[in-house]
Amino acid sequence: MEADLEHYLEPGVGLLQDNASGCAWKNAAGKKISCAARETEALVSDLMVDQPLLWLLVSFSVGILLGKRLFRGN
């Protein structure tokens, strides 16, 4: 079927059909998202190792706020 339609196609269309799964902006966006995810994971792991008191303080503060909100008498 491609042989029948070949003379109707523009010269660049064949390249797009051969590499239809390789969309340039989609690949770039995927690379940026995976890079951001790796950086976020590295930041969180660094904070977990280097700043355990910060995480304890944050979790304590969130617990206090949630406790006040949940157990507040009406």
PDB file of N, CA and C in Angstrom:
ATOM      1  N   MET A   1       0.823  -1.179   0.000  1.00  0.00           N
ATOM      2  CA  MET A   1       0.000   0.000   0.000  1.00  0.00           C
ATOM      3  C   MET A   1       0.877   1.257   0.000  1.00  0.00           C
ATOM      4  N   GLU A   2       1.999   1.223   0.696  1.00  0.00           N
ATOM      5  CA  GLU A   2       2.879   2.378   0.720  1.00  0.00           C
ATOM      6  C   GLU A   2       3.438   2.675  -0.666  1.00  0.00           C
ATOM      7  N   ALA A   3       3.664   1.644  -1.435  1.00  0.00           N
ATOM      8  CA  ALA A   3       4.179   1.840  -2.792  1.00  0.00           C
ATOM      9  C   ALA A   3       3.153   2.575  -3.650  1.00  0.00           C
ATOM     10  N   ASP A   4       1.858   2.311  -3.444  1.00  0.00           N
ATOM     11  CA  ASP A   4       0.817   2.997  -4.202  1.00  0.00           C
ATOM     12  C   ASP A   4       0.723   4.473  -3.841  1.00  0.00           C
ATOM     13  N   LEU A   5       0.963   4.801  -2.580  1.00  0.00           N
ATOM     14  CA  LEU A   5       0.810   6.181  -2.116  1.00  0.00           C
ATOM     15  C   LEU A   5       2.112   6.969  -2.111  1.00  0.00           C
ATOM     16  N   GLU A   6       3.195   6.323  -2.438  1.00  0.00           N
ATOM     17  CA  GLU A   6       4.511   6.946  -2.309  1.00  0.00           C
ATOM     18  C   GLU A   6       4.659   8.206  -3.154  1.00  0.00           C
ATOM     19  N   HIS A   7       4.109   8.231  -4.326  1.00  0.00           N
ATOM     20  CA  HIS A   7       4.281   9.399  -5.183  1.00  0.00           C
ATOM     21  C   HIS A   7       3.419  10.576  -4.720  1.00  0.00           C
ATOM     22  N   TYR A   8       2.458  10.363  -3.795  1.00  0.00           N
ATOM     23  CA  TYR A   8       1.650  11.452  -3.256  1.00  0.00           C
ATOM     24  C   TYR A   8       2.309  12.114  -2.042  1.00  0.00           C
ATOM     25  N   LEU A   9       3.224  11.429  -1.418  1.00  0.00           N
ATOM     26  CA  LEU A   9       3.821  11.927  -0.183  1.00  0.00           C
ATOM     27  C   LEU A   9       4.927  12.932  -0.470  1.00  0.00           C
ATOM     28  N   GLU A  10       5.068  13.878   0.429  1.00  0.00           N
ATOM     29  CA  GLU A  10       6.169  14.830   0.345  1.00  0.00           C
ATOM     30  C   GLU A  10       7.440  14.129   0.809  1.00  0.00           C
ATOM     31  N   PRO A  11       8.612  14.649   0.451  1.00  0.00           N
ATOM     32  CA  PRO A  11       9.866  13.967   0.799  1.00  0.00           C
ATOM     33  C   PRO A  11      10.076  13.777   2.304  1.00  0.00           C
ATOM     34  N   GLY A  12       9.664  14.715   3.151  1.00  0.00           N
ATOM     35  CA  GLY A  12       9.894  14.598   4.589  1.00  0.00           C
ATOM     36  C   GLY A  12       8.918  13.702   5.311  1.00  0.00           C
ATOM     37  N   VAL A  13       7.809  13.358   4.687  1.00  0.00           N
ATOM     38  CA  VAL A  13       6.776  12.576   5.356  1.00  0.00           C
ATOM     39  C   VAL A  13       7.248  11.159   5.638  1.00  0.00           C
ATOM     40  N   GLY A  14       8.042  10.607   4.774  1.00  0.00           N
ATOM     41  CA  GLY A  14       8.548   9.255   4.996  1.00  0.00           C
ATOM     42  C   GLY A  14       9.377   9.161   6.263  1.00  0.00           C
ATOM     43  N   LEU A  15      10.191  10.191   6.542  1.00  0.00           N
ATOM     44  CA  LEU A  15      10.987  10.197   7.763  1.00  0.00           C
ATOM     45  C   LEU A  15      10.105  10.242   8.998  1.00  0.00           C
ATOM     46  N   LEU A  16       9.026  11.009   8.934  1.00  0.00           N
ATOM     47  CA  LEU A  16       8.125  11.082  10.075  1.00  0.00           C
ATOM     48  C   LEU A  16       7.413   9.756  10.305  1.00  0.00           C
ATOM     49  N   GLN A  17       7.049   9.079   9.242  1.00  0.00           N
ATOM     50  CA  GLN A  17       6.371   7.799   9.385  1.00  0.00           C
ATOM     51  C   GLN A  17       7.314   6.734   9.921  1.00  0.00           C
ATOM     52  N   ASP A  18       8.569   6.761   9.505  1.00  0.00           N
ATOM     53  CA  ASP A  18       9.520   5.770   9.984  1.00  0.00           C
ATOM     54  C   ASP A  18       9.808   5.941  11.469  1.00  0.00           C
ATOM     55  N   ASN A  19       9.845   7.188  11.941  1.00  0.00           N
ATOM     56  CA  ASN A  19      10.185   7.470  13.325  1.00  0.00           C
ATOM     57  C   ASN A  19       8.994   8.129  14.019  1.00  0.00           C
ATOM     58  N   ALA A  20       7.809   7.524  13.883  1.00  0.00           N
ATOM     59  CA  ALA A  20       6.601   8.125  14.431  1.00  0.00           C
ATOM     60  C   ALA A  20       6.595   8.116  15.951  1.00  0.00           C
ATOM     61  N   SER A  21       7.281   7.168  16.572  1.00  0.00           N
ATOM     62  CA  SER A  21       7.264   7.105  18.033  1.00  0.00           C
ATOM     63  C   SER A  21       8.223   8.115  18.649  1.00  0.00           C
ATOM     64  N   GLY A  22       9.121   8.673  17.899  1.00  0.00           N
ATOM     65  CA  GLY A  22      10.109   9.605  18.441  1.00  0.00           C
ATOM     66  C   GLY A  22       9.690  11.040  18.268  1.00  0.00           C
ATOM     67  N   CYS A  23       8.903  11.548  19.169  1.00  0.00           N
ATOM     68  CA  CYS A  23       8.470  12.940  19.132  1.00  0.00           C
ATOM     69  C   CYS A  23       9.462  13.762  19.941  1.00  0.00           C
ATOM     70  N   ALA A  24      10.011  14.789  19.334  1.00  0.00           N
ATOM     71  CA  ALA A  24      11.104  15.537  19.957  1.00  0.00           C
ATOM     72  C   ALA A  24      10.679  16.227  21.244  1.00  0.00           C
ATOM     73  N   TRP A  25       9.545  16.922  21.245  1.00  0.00           N
ATOM     74  CA  TRP A  25       9.148  17.654  22.455  1.00  0.00           C
ATOM     75  C   TRP A  25       8.707  16.714  23.547  1.00  0.00           C
ATOM     76  N   LYS A  26       8.153  15.562  23.164  1.00  0.00           N
ATOM     77  CA  LYS A  26       7.732  14.592  24.176  1.00  0.00           C
ATOM     78  C   LYS A  26       8.957  13.978  24.860  1.00  0.00           C
ATOM     79  N   ASN A  27       9.983  13.685  24.081  1.00  0.00           N
ATOM     80  CA  ASN A  27      11.218  13.149  24.666  1.00  0.00           C
ATOM     81  C   ASN A  27      11.883  14.177  25.569  1.00  0.00           C
ATOM     82  N   ALA A  28      11.900  15.435  25.149  1.00  0.00           N
ATOM     83  CA  ALA A  28      12.513  16.489  25.961  1.00  0.00           C
ATOM     84  C   ALA A  28      11.748  16.691  27.261  1.00  0.00           C
ATOM     85  N   ALA A  29      10.424  16.668  27.190  1.00  0.00           N
ATOM     86  CA  ALA A  29       9.615  16.830  28.398  1.00  0.00           C
ATOM     87  C   ALA A  29       9.826  15.645  29.340  1.00  0.00           C
ATOM     88  N   GLY A  30       9.912  14.451  28.789  1.00  0.00           N
ATOM     89  CA  GLY A  30      10.162  13.278  29.621  1.00  0.00           C
ATOM     90  C   GLY A  30      11.509  13.343  30.312  1.00  0.00           C
ATOM     91  N   LYS A  31      12.516  13.842  29.591  1.00  0.00           N
ATOM     92  CA  LYS A  31      13.843  13.983  30.191  1.00  0.00           C
ATOM     93  C   LYS A  31      13.833  15.016  31.306  1.00  0.00           C
ATOM     94  N   LYS A  32      13.130  16.126  31.106  1.00  0.00           N
ATOM     95  CA  LYS A  32      13.056  17.165  32.135  1.00  0.00           C
ATOM     96  C   LYS A  32      12.319  16.663  33.365  1.00  0.00           C
ATOM     97  N   ILE A  33      11.238  15.916  33.158  1.00  0.00           N
ATOM     98  CA  ILE A  33      10.470  15.390  34.283  1.00  0.00           C
ATOM     99  C   ILE A  33      11.286  14.371  35.059  1.00  0.00           C
ATOM    100  N   SER A  34      11.985  13.492  34.348  1.00  0.00           N
ATOM    101  CA  SER A  34      12.791  12.494  35.055  1.00  0.00           C
ATOM    102  C   SER A  34      13.965  13.141  35.773  1.00  0.00           C
ATOM    103  N   CYS A  35      14.538  14.187  35.192  1.00  0.00           N
ATOM    104  CA  CYS A  35      15.625  14.914  35.858  1.00  0.00           C
ATOM    105  C   CYS A  35      15.106  15.591  37.124  1.00  0.00           C
ATOM    106  N   ALA A  36      13.938  16.207  37.045  1.00  0.00           N
ATOM    107  CA  ALA A  36      13.356  16.857  38.221  1.00  0.00           C
ATOM    108  C   ALA A  36      13.023  15.835  39.298  1.00  0.00           C
ATOM    109  N   ALA A  37      12.536  14.663  38.888  1.00  0.00           N
ATOM    110  CA  ALA A  37      12.223  13.618  39.870  1.00  0.00           C
ATOM    111  C   ALA A  37      13.484  13.115  40.555  1.00  0.00           C
ATOM    112  N   ARG A  38      14.561  12.945  39.790  1.00  0.00           N
ATOM    113  CA  ARG A  38      15.834  12.505  40.391  1.00  0.00           C
ATOM    114  C   ARG A  38      16.377  13.552  41.355  1.00  0.00           C
ATOM    115  N   GLU A  39      16.292  14.820  40.968  1.00  0.00           N
ATOM    116  CA  GLU A  39      16.774  15.892  41.839  1.00  0.00           C
ATOM    117  C   GLU A  39      15.945  15.977  43.117  1.00  0.00           C
ATOM    118  N   THR A  40      14.624  15.816  42.993  1.00  0.00           N
ATOM    119  CA  THR A  40      13.761  15.853  44.170  1.00  0.00           C
ATOM    120  C   THR A  40      14.066  14.686  45.094  1.00  0.00           C
ATOM    121  N   GLU A  41      14.261  13.507  44.514  1.00  0.00           N
ATOM    122  CA  GLU A  41      14.599  12.336  45.321  1.00  0.00           C
ATOM    123  C   GLU A  41      15.936  12.538  46.034  1.00  0.00           C
ATOM    124  N   ALA A  42      16.907  13.109  45.343  1.00  0.00           N
ATOM    125  CA  ALA A  42      18.208  13.360  45.955  1.00  0.00           C
ATOM    126  C   ALA A  42      18.092  14.390  47.074  1.00  0.00           C
ATOM    127  N   LEU A  43      17.289  15.422  46.871  1.00  0.00           N
ATOM    128  CA  LEU A  43      17.100  16.443  47.899  1.00  0.00           C
ATOM    129  C   LEU A  43      16.444  15.852  49.142  1.00  0.00           C
ATOM    130  N   VAL A  44      15.407  15.062  48.944  1.00  0.00           N
ATOM    131  CA  VAL A  44      14.718  14.455  50.087  1.00  0.00           C
ATOM    132  C   VAL A  44      15.640  13.493  50.822  1.00  0.00           C
ATOM    133  N   SER A  45      16.410  12.696  50.092  1.00  0.00           N
ATOM    134  CA  SER A  45      17.317  11.768  50.768  1.00  0.00           C
ATOM    135  C   SER A  45      18.414  12.517  51.520  1.00  0.00           C
ATOM    136  N   ASP A  46      18.896  13.621  50.948  1.00  0.00           N
ATOM    137  CA  ASP A  46      19.886  14.434  51.658  1.00  0.00           C
ATOM    138  C   ASP A  46      19.299  15.035  52.928  1.00  0.00           C
ATOM    139  N   LEU A  47      18.074  15.527  52.830  1.00  0.00           N
ATOM    140  CA  LEU A  47      17.443  16.102  54.017  1.00  0.00           C
ATOM    141  C   LEU A  47      17.180  15.043  55.076  1.00  0.00           C
ATOM    142  N   MET A  48      16.814  13.837  54.646  1.00  0.00           N
ATOM    143  CA  MET A  48      16.550  12.774  55.617  1.00  0.00           C
ATOM    144  C   MET A  48      17.824  12.385  56.345  1.00  0.00           C
ATOM    145  N   VAL A  49      18.947  12.418  55.665  1.00  0.00           N
ATOM    146  CA  VAL A  49      20.216  12.034  56.281  1.00  0.00           C
ATOM    147  C   VAL A  49      20.812  13.201  57.065  1.00  0.00           C
ATOM    148  N   ASP A  50      20.789  14.389  56.475  1.00  0.00           N
ATOM    149  CA  ASP A  50      21.487  15.532  57.056  1.00  0.00           C
ATOM    150  C   ASP A  50      20.654  16.314  58.064  1.00  0.00           C
ATOM    151  N   GLN A  51      19.346  16.279  57.937  1.00  0.00           N
ATOM    152  CA  GLN A  51      18.497  17.128  58.773  1.00  0.00           C
ATOM    153  C   GLN A  51      17.389  16.349  59.477  1.00  0.00           C
ATOM    154  N   PRO A  52      17.709  15.334  60.269  1.00  0.00           N
ATOM    155  CA  PRO A  52      16.624  14.583  60.919  1.00  0.00           C
ATOM    156  C   PRO A  52      15.857  15.432  61.926  1.00  0.00           C
ATOM    157  N   LEU A  53      16.513  16.390  62.574  1.00  0.00           N
ATOM    158  CA  LEU A  53      15.812  17.245  63.535  1.00  0.00           C
ATOM    159  C   LEU A  53      14.800  18.148  62.839  1.00  0.00           C
ATOM    160  N   LEU A  54      15.118  18.589  61.620  1.00  0.00           N
ATOM    161  CA  LEU A  54      14.161  19.386  60.858  1.00  0.00           C
ATOM    162  C   LEU A  54      12.901  18.580  60.585  1.00  0.00           C
ATOM    163  N   TRP A  55      13.065  17.335  60.161  1.00  0.00           N
ATOM    164  CA  TRP A  55      11.910  16.498  59.871  1.00  0.00           C
ATOM    165  C   TRP A  55      11.120  16.193  61.137  1.00  0.00           C
ATOM    166  N   LEU A  56      11.802  15.984  62.247  1.00  0.00           N
ATOM    167  CA  LEU A  56      11.097  15.767  63.508  1.00  0.00           C
ATOM    168  C   LEU A  56      10.297  17.006  63.909  1.00  0.00           C
ATOM    169  N   LEU A  57      10.888  18.179  63.736  1.00  0.00           N
ATOM    170  CA  LEU A  57      10.194  19.422  64.063  1.00  0.00           C
ATOM    171  C   LEU A  57       8.989  19.639  63.151  1.00  0.00           C
ATOM    172  N   VAL A  58       9.161  19.387  61.871  1.00  0.00           N
ATOM    173  CA  VAL A  58       8.048  19.556  60.922  1.00  0.00           C
ATOM    174  C   VAL A  58       6.929  18.579  61.236  1.00  0.00           C
ATOM    175  N   SER A  59       7.265  17.312  61.478  1.00  0.00           N
ATOM    176  CA  SER A  59       6.223  16.322  61.769  1.00  0.00           C
ATOM    177  C   SER A  59       5.540  16.617  63.101  1.00  0.00           C
ATOM    178  N   PHE A  60       6.289  17.105  64.088  1.00  0.00           N
ATOM    179  CA  PHE A  60       5.700  17.474  65.371  1.00  0.00           C
ATOM    180  C   PHE A  60       4.725  18.633  65.191  1.00  0.00           C
ATOM    181  N   SER A  61       5.116  19.637  64.410  1.00  0.00           N
ATOM    182  CA  SER A  61       4.255  20.800  64.180  1.00  0.00           C
ATOM    183  C   SER A  61       2.976  20.405  63.442  1.00  0.00           C
ATOM    184  N   VAL A  62       3.122  19.562  62.432  1.00  0.00           N
ATOM    185  CA  VAL A  62       1.942  19.104  61.693  1.00  0.00           C
ATOM    186  C   VAL A  62       1.043  18.282  62.607  1.00  0.00           C
ATOM    187  N   GLY A  63       1.635  17.448  63.451  1.00  0.00           N
ATOM    188  CA  GLY A  63       0.844  16.664  64.403  1.00  0.00           C
ATOM    189  C   GLY A  63       0.088  17.537  65.381  1.00  0.00           C
ATOM    190  N   ILE A  64       0.729  18.584  65.877  1.00  0.00           N
ATOM    191  CA  ILE A  64       0.059  19.509  66.802  1.00  0.00           C
ATOM    192  C   ILE A  64      -1.110  20.198  66.105  1.00  0.00           C
ATOM    193  N   LEU A  65      -0.881  20.670  64.873  1.00  0.00           N
ATOM    194  CA  LEU A  65      -1.955  21.358  64.140  1.00  0.00           C
ATOM    195  C   LEU A  65      -3.121  20.427  63.844  1.00  0.00           C
ATOM    196  N   LEU A  66      -2.819  19.200  63.425  1.00  0.00           N
ATOM    197  CA  LEU A  66      -3.887  18.247  63.143  1.00  0.00           C
ATOM    198  C   LEU A  66      -4.600  17.846  64.426  1.00  0.00           C
ATOM    199  N   GLY A  67      -3.845  17.667  65.499  1.00  0.00           N
ATOM    200  CA  GLY A  67      -4.459  17.302  66.777  1.00  0.00           C
ATOM    201  C   GLY A  67      -5.399  18.377  67.279  1.00  0.00           C
ATOM    202  N   LYS A  68      -5.013  19.625  67.154  1.00  0.00           N
ATOM    203  CA  LYS A  68      -5.893  20.714  67.571  1.00  0.00           C
ATOM    204  C   LYS A  68      -7.170  20.734  66.747  1.00  0.00           C
ATOM    205  N   ARG A  69      -6.993  20.507  65.452  1.00  0.00           N
ATOM    206  CA  ARG A  69      -8.156  20.569  64.563  1.00  0.00           C
ATOM    207  C   ARG A  69      -9.093  19.376  64.769  1.00  0.00           C
ATOM    208  N   LEU A  70      -8.522  18.195  64.970  1.00  0.00           N
ATOM    209  CA  LEU A  70      -9.363  16.993  65.101  1.00  0.00           C
ATOM    210  C   LEU A  70     -10.023  16.880  66.468  1.00  0.00           C
ATOM    211  N   PHE A  71      -9.326  17.281  67.515  1.00  0.00           N
ATOM    212  CA  PHE A  71      -9.843  17.051  68.859  1.00  0.00           C
ATOM    213  C   PHE A  71     -10.365  18.327  69.525  1.00  0.00           C
ATOM    214  N   ARG A  72     -10.602  19.345  68.740  1.00  0.00           N
ATOM    215  CA  ARG A  72     -11.139  20.574  69.272  1.00  0.00           C
ATOM    216  C   ARG A  72     -12.605  20.354  69.649  1.00  0.00           C
ATOM    217  N   GLY A  73     -12.978  20.774  70.812  1.00  0.00           N
ATOM    218  CA  GLY A  73     -14.372  20.609  71.248  1.00  0.00           C
ATOM    219  C   GLY A  73     -15.277  21.641  70.615  1.00  0.00           C
ATOM    220  N   ASN A  74     -16.467  21.187  70.272  1.00  0.00           N
ATOM    221  CA  ASN A  74     -17.443  22.103  69.632  1.00  0.00           C
ATOM    222  C   ASN A  74     -18.255  22.799  70.676  1.00  0.00           C
TER     223      ASN A  74
END
